[in-house]
């Protein structure tokens, strides 16, 4: 085993642990919804939505 393969395996394990922890949290749904609202709001602002007279 090389250092590269060990690093890849450890990174994958840490990634799975992070996803598991995030999904199991009771606050996940509101956080994801808030992120989606913020993202769509920034897209609308970039497109000029909400500007009066446009």
Protein backbone atom coordinates (compact mmCIF):
# COMPACT_ATOMS: atom_id res chain seq x y z
CA UNK A 1 0.00 0.00 0.00
CA UNK A 2 1.28 3.39 -0.91
CA UNK A 3 0.74 6.62 0.97
CA UNK A 4 -1.57 7.78 -1.82
CA UNK A 5 -3.93 4.82 -1.44
CA UNK A 6 -3.94 5.11 2.36
CA UNK A 7 -4.77 8.81 2.09
CA UNK A 8 -7.57 8.07 -0.37
CA UNK A 9 -9.09 5.41 1.90
CA UNK A 10 -8.88 7.65 4.98
CA UNK A 11 -10.45 10.53 3.05
CA UNK A 12 -13.32 8.31 1.94
CA UNK A 13 -13.93 7.10 5.49
CA UNK A 14 -13.94 10.65 6.82
CA UNK A 15 -16.33 11.70 4.05
CA UNK A 16 -18.77 8.91 4.88
CA UNK A 17 -18.59 9.75 8.58
CA UNK A 18 -19.29 13.43 7.87
CA UNK A 19 -22.29 12.67 5.65
CA UNK A 20 -23.69 10.24 8.22
CA UNK A 21 -23.33 12.80 11.00
CA UNK A 22 -24.94 15.57 8.94
CA UNK A 23 -27.88 13.44 7.79
CA UNK A 24 -28.63 12.15 11.29
CA UNK A 25 -28.77 15.67 12.75
CA UNK A 26 -32.31 16.90 13.50
CA UNK A 27 -31.42 20.35 12.14
CA UNK A 28 -30.46 19.11 8.67
CA UNK A 29 -33.73 19.93 6.87
CA UNK A 30 -33.95 23.58 7.99
CA UNK A 31 -30.29 24.14 7.18
CA UNK A 32 -30.63 22.66 3.69
CA UNK A 33 -33.79 24.73 3.08
CA UNK A 34 -32.06 27.92 4.24
CA UNK A 35 -29.09 27.19 1.98
CA UNK A 36 -31.42 26.62 -0.98
CA UNK A 37 -33.32 29.83 -0.28
CA UNK A 38 -30.08 31.81 -0.04
CA UNK A 39 -28.76 30.26 -3.25
CA UNK A 40 -31.95 30.95 -5.21
CA UNK A 41 -32.05 34.48 -3.80
CA UNK A 42 -28.51 35.14 -5.00
CA UNK A 43 -29.34 33.76 -8.45
CA UNK A 44 -32.42 35.99 -8.64
CA UNK A 45 -30.36 39.00 -7.56
CA UNK A 46 -27.72 38.24 -10.19
CA UNK A 47 -30.44 38.05 -12.85
CA UNK A 48 -31.93 41.35 -11.73
CA UNK A 49 -35.15 39.97 -10.28
CA UNK A 50 -36.84 42.29 -7.84
CA UNK A 51 -35.52 45.47 -9.43
CA UNK A 52 -38.36 47.97 -9.90
CA UNK A 53 -38.80 49.15 -13.47
CA UNK A 54 -36.98 46.32 -15.12
